[in-house]
N, C-alpha and C. Protein backbone atom coordinates (compact mmCIF):
# COMPACT_ATOMS: atom_id res chain seq x y z
N UNK A 1 0.78 -0.96 0.01
CA UNK A 1 -0.02 0.25 0.05
C UNK A 1 0.76 1.51 0.03
N UNK A 2 0.46 2.12 -0.68
CA UNK A 2 1.66 3.66 -0.72
C UNK A 2 0.70 4.74 0.13
N UNK A 3 1.27 5.10 0.99
CA UNK A 3 0.94 6.20 1.86
C UNK A 3 1.74 7.67 1.36
N UNK A 4 0.82 8.59 1.19
CA UNK A 4 1.79 9.65 1.25
C UNK A 4 2.10 10.14 2.52
N UNK A 5 3.27 10.86 1.88
CA UNK A 5 4.59 11.57 3.12
C UNK A 5 3.56 12.81 3.53
N UNK A 6 3.02 12.96 4.71
CA UNK A 6 2.61 14.39 4.71
C UNK A 6 3.65 14.94 5.74
N UNK A 7 3.06 16.38 5.91
CA UNK A 7 4.13 17.49 7.35
C UNK A 7 2.59 17.91 7.45
N UNK A 8 2.54 17.86 8.71
CA UNK A 8 1.93 19.22 9.59
C UNK A 8 2.24 20.10 10.19
N UNK A 9 2.15 21.41 9.76
CA UNK A 9 2.57 22.41 9.99
C UNK A 9 1.99 23.44 11.20
N UNK A 10 2.47 23.94 11.98
CA UNK A 10 1.96 24.67 13.09
C UNK A 10 2.62 26.08 13.39
N UNK A 11 1.42 27.18 13.43
CA UNK A 11 1.93 28.58 13.73
C UNK A 11 1.96 28.73 15.13
N UNK A 12 3.10 28.83 15.38
CA UNK A 12 3.48 29.30 17.14
C UNK A 12 3.79 30.47 17.18
N UNK A 13 3.25 31.52 17.85
CA UNK A 13 3.90 33.09 18.36
C UNK A 13 4.92 32.77 19.17
N UNK A 14 5.72 33.68 18.77
CA UNK A 14 6.91 33.92 19.71
C UNK A 14 6.66 33.43 21.40
N UNK A 15 5.66 33.88 21.82
CA UNK A 15 5.25 33.54 23.50
C UNK A 15 4.97 31.84 23.32
N UNK A 16 4.79 31.40 22.22
CA UNK A 16 4.50 29.84 22.41
C UNK A 16 2.94 29.30 21.99
N UNK A 17 2.18 30.24 21.86
CA UNK A 17 0.79 30.04 21.75
C UNK A 17 0.70 29.73 20.08
N UNK A 18 0.14 28.45 20.19
CA UNK A 18 0.10 27.95 18.70
C UNK A 18 -1.48 28.58 18.67
N UNK A 19 -1.60 28.88 17.25
CA UNK A 19 -2.70 29.73 16.56
C UNK A 19 -2.67 28.84 15.43
N UNK A 20 -4.26 29.22 14.84
CA UNK A 20 -4.74 28.56 13.73
C UNK A 20 -4.79 29.49 12.51
N UNK A 21 -4.44 30.66 12.95
CA UNK A 21 -4.27 32.09 12.69
C UNK A 21 -3.62 33.01 12.64
N UNK A 22 -3.94 34.30 11.76
CA UNK A 22 -3.10 35.78 12.28
C UNK A 22 -3.76 36.58 13.27
N UNK A 23 -5.01 36.40 13.31
CA UNK A 23 -5.63 37.45 14.45
C UNK A 23 -6.57 36.77 15.63
N UNK A 24 -6.91 38.06 16.40
CA UNK A 24 -7.17 37.33 17.44
C UNK A 24 -8.45 36.29 17.60
N UNK A 25 -9.16 36.08 15.95
CA UNK A 25 -10.50 35.76 16.16
C UNK A 25 -10.43 34.56 15.92
N UNK A 26 -9.05 33.99 15.54
CA UNK A 26 -8.46 32.36 14.94
C UNK A 26 -7.83 31.96 16.55
N UNK A 27 -8.17 30.65 17.46
CA UNK A 27 -8.18 30.73 18.35
C UNK A 27 -7.50 28.76 18.66
N UNK A 28 -6.55 28.47 18.30
CA UNK A 28 -6.69 26.84 18.56
C UNK A 28 -7.67 26.01 19.40
N UNK A 29 -7.55 26.78 20.80
CA UNK A 29 -8.11 26.14 21.70
C UNK A 29 -9.38 26.28 21.24
N UNK A 30 -9.86 27.09 20.68
CA UNK A 30 -11.71 27.05 20.58
C UNK A 30 -11.44 26.23 18.93
N UNK A 31 -10.77 26.27 18.35
CA UNK A 31 -10.65 26.02 16.72
C UNK A 31 -10.58 24.65 16.81
N UNK A 32 -9.31 24.33 17.41
CA UNK A 32 -9.13 22.50 16.96
C UNK A 32 -9.50 21.88 17.33
N UNK A 33 -10.54 22.28 18.50
CA UNK A 33 -11.64 20.99 19.25
C UNK A 33 -12.87 20.93 18.46
N UNK A 34 -12.85 21.62 17.47
CA UNK A 34 -13.80 21.57 16.53
C UNK A 34 -13.89 20.91 14.82
N UNK A 35 -12.30 20.63 15.03
CA UNK A 35 -11.95 19.53 13.92
C UNK A 35 -12.00 18.45 13.91
N UNK A 36 -12.88 17.91 12.87
CA UNK A 36 -12.59 16.25 13.14
C UNK A 36 -11.16 15.96 12.56
N UNK A 37 -10.96 15.10 13.30
CA UNK A 37 -9.36 14.51 13.00
C UNK A 37 -8.37 14.99 14.06
N UNK A 38 -9.00 16.23 14.42
CA UNK A 38 -8.03 17.01 15.33
C UNK A 38 -8.43 16.55 16.92
N UNK A 39 -9.60 16.99 17.04
CA UNK A 39 -10.33 16.55 18.29
C UNK A 39 -10.12 15.54 19.31
N UNK A 40 -10.01 14.28 18.38
CA UNK A 40 -9.97 13.40 19.19
C UNK A 40 -8.41 13.18 19.39
N UNK A 41 -7.45 13.58 19.01
CA UNK A 41 -6.13 13.69 19.83
C UNK A 41 -5.83 14.40 20.49
N UNK A 42 -6.34 15.78 20.69
CA UNK A 42 -5.98 16.96 21.18
C UNK A 42 -5.25 16.82 22.67
N UNK A 43 -6.34 15.64 23.42
CA UNK A 43 -5.78 15.74 24.77
C UNK A 43 -4.28 15.05 24.69
N UNK A 44 -3.73 14.69 23.79
CA UNK A 44 -2.39 13.73 24.07
C UNK A 44 -1.54 14.98 24.28
N UNK A 45 -1.96 16.20 23.20
CA UNK A 45 -0.77 17.38 23.34
C UNK A 45 -1.27 17.90 24.39
N UNK A 46 -2.07 18.03 25.22
CA UNK A 46 -2.09 19.11 26.71
C UNK A 46 -1.15 17.96 27.77
N UNK A 47 -1.71 16.85 27.38
CA UNK A 47 -1.24 15.84 28.29
C UNK A 47 0.55 15.89 28.20
N UNK A 48 0.98 16.00 27.00
CA UNK A 48 2.41 15.68 26.61
C UNK A 48 2.89 17.35 26.90
N UNK A 49 2.21 18.49 27.04
CA UNK A 49 2.49 19.60 27.36
C UNK A 49 2.99 19.84 28.63
N UNK A 50 2.14 19.06 29.83
CA UNK A 50 2.15 19.55 30.75
C UNK A 50 3.14 18.17 31.76
N UNK A 51 3.55 17.66 30.82
CA UNK A 51 4.58 16.58 31.20
C UNK A 51 5.80 16.43 30.82
N UNK A 52 5.96 17.67 29.84
CA UNK A 52 7.43 18.00 29.42
C UNK A 52 7.97 19.49 30.01
N UNK A 53 7.09 20.53 29.83
CA UNK A 53 7.67 21.35 29.67
C UNK A 53 7.44 22.44 31.38
N UNK A 54 9.12 22.66 31.48
CA UNK A 54 8.96 23.06 32.77
C UNK A 54 8.84 24.49 33.21
N UNK A 55 9.02 25.26 31.62
CA UNK A 55 8.59 26.51 31.87
C UNK A 55 7.75 26.88 30.71
N UNK A 56 7.17 27.78 30.84
CA UNK A 56 6.08 28.03 29.95
C UNK A 56 6.05 29.74 29.93
N UNK A 57 6.48 30.03 28.50
CA UNK A 57 6.75 31.71 28.15
C UNK A 57 5.24 32.03 27.44
N UNK A 58 4.60 33.32 27.74
CA UNK A 58 3.23 33.49 27.73
C UNK A 58 3.28 35.01 27.84
N UNK A 59 2.09 35.64 27.48
CA UNK A 59 1.80 36.92 27.50
C UNK A 59 0.15 36.96 28.37
N UNK A 60 0.49 38.01 28.99
CA UNK A 60 -0.71 38.76 30.12
C UNK A 60 -1.95 38.78 29.21
N UNK A 61 -1.68 38.99 27.52
CA UNK A 61 -2.87 38.68 26.88
C UNK A 61 -3.42 37.49 26.53
N UNK A 62 -2.54 36.62 26.16
CA UNK A 62 -2.93 35.53 25.66
C UNK A 62 -3.79 34.82 27.24
N UNK A 63 -3.01 35.09 28.44
CA UNK A 63 -3.87 34.55 29.75
C UNK A 63 -5.20 35.12 29.85
N UNK A 64 -5.32 36.45 29.71
CA UNK A 64 -6.62 37.41 29.70
C UNK A 64 -7.43 36.54 28.44
N UNK A 65 -7.29 36.34 27.48
CA UNK A 65 -7.88 35.94 26.38
C UNK A 65 -8.25 34.19 26.62
N UNK A 66 -7.72 33.38 27.46
CA UNK A 66 -8.12 32.07 27.96
C UNK A 66 -8.77 32.13 29.24
N UNK A 67 -9.09 33.80 29.38
CA UNK A 67 -9.61 33.89 30.74
C UNK A 67 -9.91 33.76 32.08
N UNK A 68 -8.60 34.00 32.57
CA UNK A 68 -7.53 33.95 34.10
C UNK A 68 -8.82 34.89 34.65
N UNK A 69 -8.88 35.89 34.04
CA UNK A 69 -9.70 36.96 34.93
C UNK A 69 -10.93 36.89 35.29
N UNK A 70 -11.68 35.70 34.81
CA UNK A 70 -13.28 35.46 35.33
C UNK A 70 -13.30 34.15 35.56
N UNK A 71 -12.38 33.41 35.75
CA UNK A 71 -12.57 31.92 36.33
C UNK A 71 -13.08 32.37 37.86
N UNK A 72 -14.14 31.03 37.71
CA UNK A 72 -14.61 31.02 39.23
C UNK A 72 -14.59 30.07 40.24
N UNK A 73 -13.77 28.98 39.31
CA UNK A 73 -12.55 27.54 40.41
C UNK A 73 -11.10 27.83 39.68
N UNK A 74 -10.69 27.18 40.94
CA UNK A 74 -9.18 27.26 40.18
C UNK A 74 -8.93 25.65 39.83
N UNK A 75 -8.18 25.73 39.13
CA UNK A 75 -7.16 24.89 38.27
C UNK A 75 -6.45 23.89 38.95
N UNK A 76 -6.40 22.52 38.61
CA UNK A 76 -5.46 21.60 39.27
C UNK A 76 -4.26 22.46 39.23
N UNK A 77 -3.44 22.38 40.34
CA UNK A 77 -2.34 22.94 40.48
C UNK A 77 -1.56 21.81 39.66
N UNK A 78 -0.29 22.94 39.46
CA UNK A 78 0.95 22.16 38.53
C UNK A 78 2.16 23.08 38.89
N UNK A 79 2.58 22.41 39.79
CA UNK A 79 3.77 22.52 40.65
C UNK A 79 4.54 22.56 39.89
N UNK A 80 4.83 21.58 38.65
CA UNK A 80 6.49 21.65 37.98
C UNK A 80 6.88 22.73 37.01
N UNK A 81 5.85 23.31 36.71
CA UNK A 81 5.91 23.75 36.05
C UNK A 81 6.33 25.87 36.19
N UNK A 82 6.93 26.57 35.53
CA UNK A 82 7.26 27.78 36.49
C UNK A 82 6.64 28.67 34.87
N UNK A 83 5.43 29.47 34.76
CA UNK A 83 5.60 30.28 34.36
C UNK A 83 6.24 31.62 34.29
N UNK A 84 6.33 32.49 32.99
CA UNK A 84 6.65 33.77 32.72
C UNK A 84 5.96 34.46 31.78
N UNK A 85 5.25 35.36 32.27
CA UNK A 85 4.56 35.79 31.49
C UNK A 85 5.07 37.50 31.48
N UNK A 86 4.71 38.05 30.46
CA UNK A 86 5.20 39.05 29.95
C UNK A 86 3.92 39.54 29.91
N UNK A 87 3.67 40.90 30.24
CA UNK A 87 2.48 41.32 30.30
C UNK A 87 2.55 43.22 30.34
N UNK A 88 2.77 43.65 29.00
CA UNK A 88 2.99 45.51 28.46
C UNK A 88 2.03 45.89 28.72
N UNK A 89 0.91 45.71 28.89
CA UNK A 89 -0.31 46.62 29.13
C UNK A 89 -1.37 45.99 30.59
N UNK A 90 -1.89 46.38 31.00
CA UNK A 90 -2.83 45.55 32.38
C UNK A 90 -3.83 44.81 31.82
N UNK A 91 -3.07 43.49 31.32
CA UNK A 91 -4.12 42.77 31.07
C UNK A 91 -4.94 41.82 32.24
N UNK A 92 -4.23 41.78 32.78
CA UNK A 92 -4.41 40.68 33.81
C UNK A 92 -4.76 41.67 35.27
N UNK A 93 -5.63 41.20 35.71
CA UNK A 93 -6.56 41.90 36.52
C UNK A 93 -5.96 41.34 38.09
N UNK A 94 -6.44 41.72 39.22
CA UNK A 94 -6.10 40.99 40.60
C UNK A 94 -6.59 39.45 40.79
N UNK A 95 -7.70 39.16 40.01
CA UNK A 95 -8.56 37.82 40.40
C UNK A 95 -7.59 36.84 39.55
N UNK A 96 -7.00 37.57 38.15
CA UNK A 96 -6.36 36.48 37.46
C UNK A 96 -5.07 36.37 37.78
N UNK A 97 -4.73 37.40 38.48
CA UNK A 97 -2.74 36.94 39.00
C UNK A 97 -2.94 35.86 40.24
N UNK A 98 -4.07 36.37 40.97
CA UNK A 98 -4.70 35.02 41.91
C UNK A 98 -4.96 33.93 41.34
N UNK A 99 -5.55 33.50 40.12
CA UNK A 99 -5.99 32.26 39.37
C UNK A 99 -4.84 31.78 39.09
N UNK A 100 -3.77 32.34 38.53
CA UNK A 100 -2.15 31.92 37.77
C UNK A 100 -1.50 31.34 39.11
N UNK A 101 -1.33 32.21 40.07
CA UNK A 101 -0.94 32.02 41.53
C UNK A 101 -1.46 30.42 41.99
N UNK A 102 -2.54 30.15 42.03
CA UNK A 102 -3.12 29.11 42.93
C UNK A 102 -2.84 27.54 41.67
N UNK A 103 -2.73 28.17 40.13
CA UNK A 103 -2.69 27.38 39.33
C UNK A 103 -0.99 26.33 38.92
N UNK A 104 0.18 27.29 38.98
CA UNK A 104 1.29 26.79 38.93
C UNK A 104 2.17 26.85 40.13
N UNK A 105 3.45 26.18 40.08
CA UNK A 105 4.34 26.19 40.99
C UNK A 105 5.20 27.67 40.97
N UNK A 106 5.51 28.22 40.00
CA UNK A 106 6.17 29.50 40.17
C UNK A 106 5.65 29.87 39.11
N UNK A 107 5.72 31.82 39.65
CA UNK A 107 5.17 32.77 38.57
C UNK A 107 6.16 33.91 38.44
N UNK A 108 6.58 34.20 36.97
CA UNK A 108 7.29 35.60 37.08
C UNK A 108 6.82 36.27 35.90
N UNK A 109 5.89 37.50 36.82
CA UNK A 109 4.97 38.58 35.69
C UNK A 109 6.30 39.54 35.18
N UNK A 110 6.62 40.00 34.00
CA UNK A 110 7.20 41.22 33.35
C UNK A 110 6.67 42.31 32.98
N UNK A 111 6.40 43.25 33.79
CA UNK A 111 5.81 44.54 32.95
C UNK A 111 6.58 45.51 32.90
N UNK A 112 5.96 46.40 32.37
CA UNK A 112 6.65 47.93 32.69
C UNK A 112 5.92 49.02 32.09
N UNK A 113 4.30 48.72 32.50
CA UNK A 113 3.27 49.79 32.35
C UNK A 113 3.12 50.41 33.66
């Protein structure tokens, strides 16, 4: 049986956010879970990400976009991951910072506003 050789390309921003496009309207976390053939294996990506990454570099804008400022319940704590969040504008509010502090082992917020 002849099978094609294929390559999957993923767009990833400098802060490590995987994207399904170049605008804020396109979001991998929202889009990939709706795509047949991708959504079935998405849990494997998230499991691997949590087990292999010791550091997570992200932005306050991305954290706000995934809803940390509005969460009602805390996420299960991930002690082994150190978050480094760059927030050049006040994207994170007090509730968001509190949520992230309860979520990760160590947190560094780099800001200049």
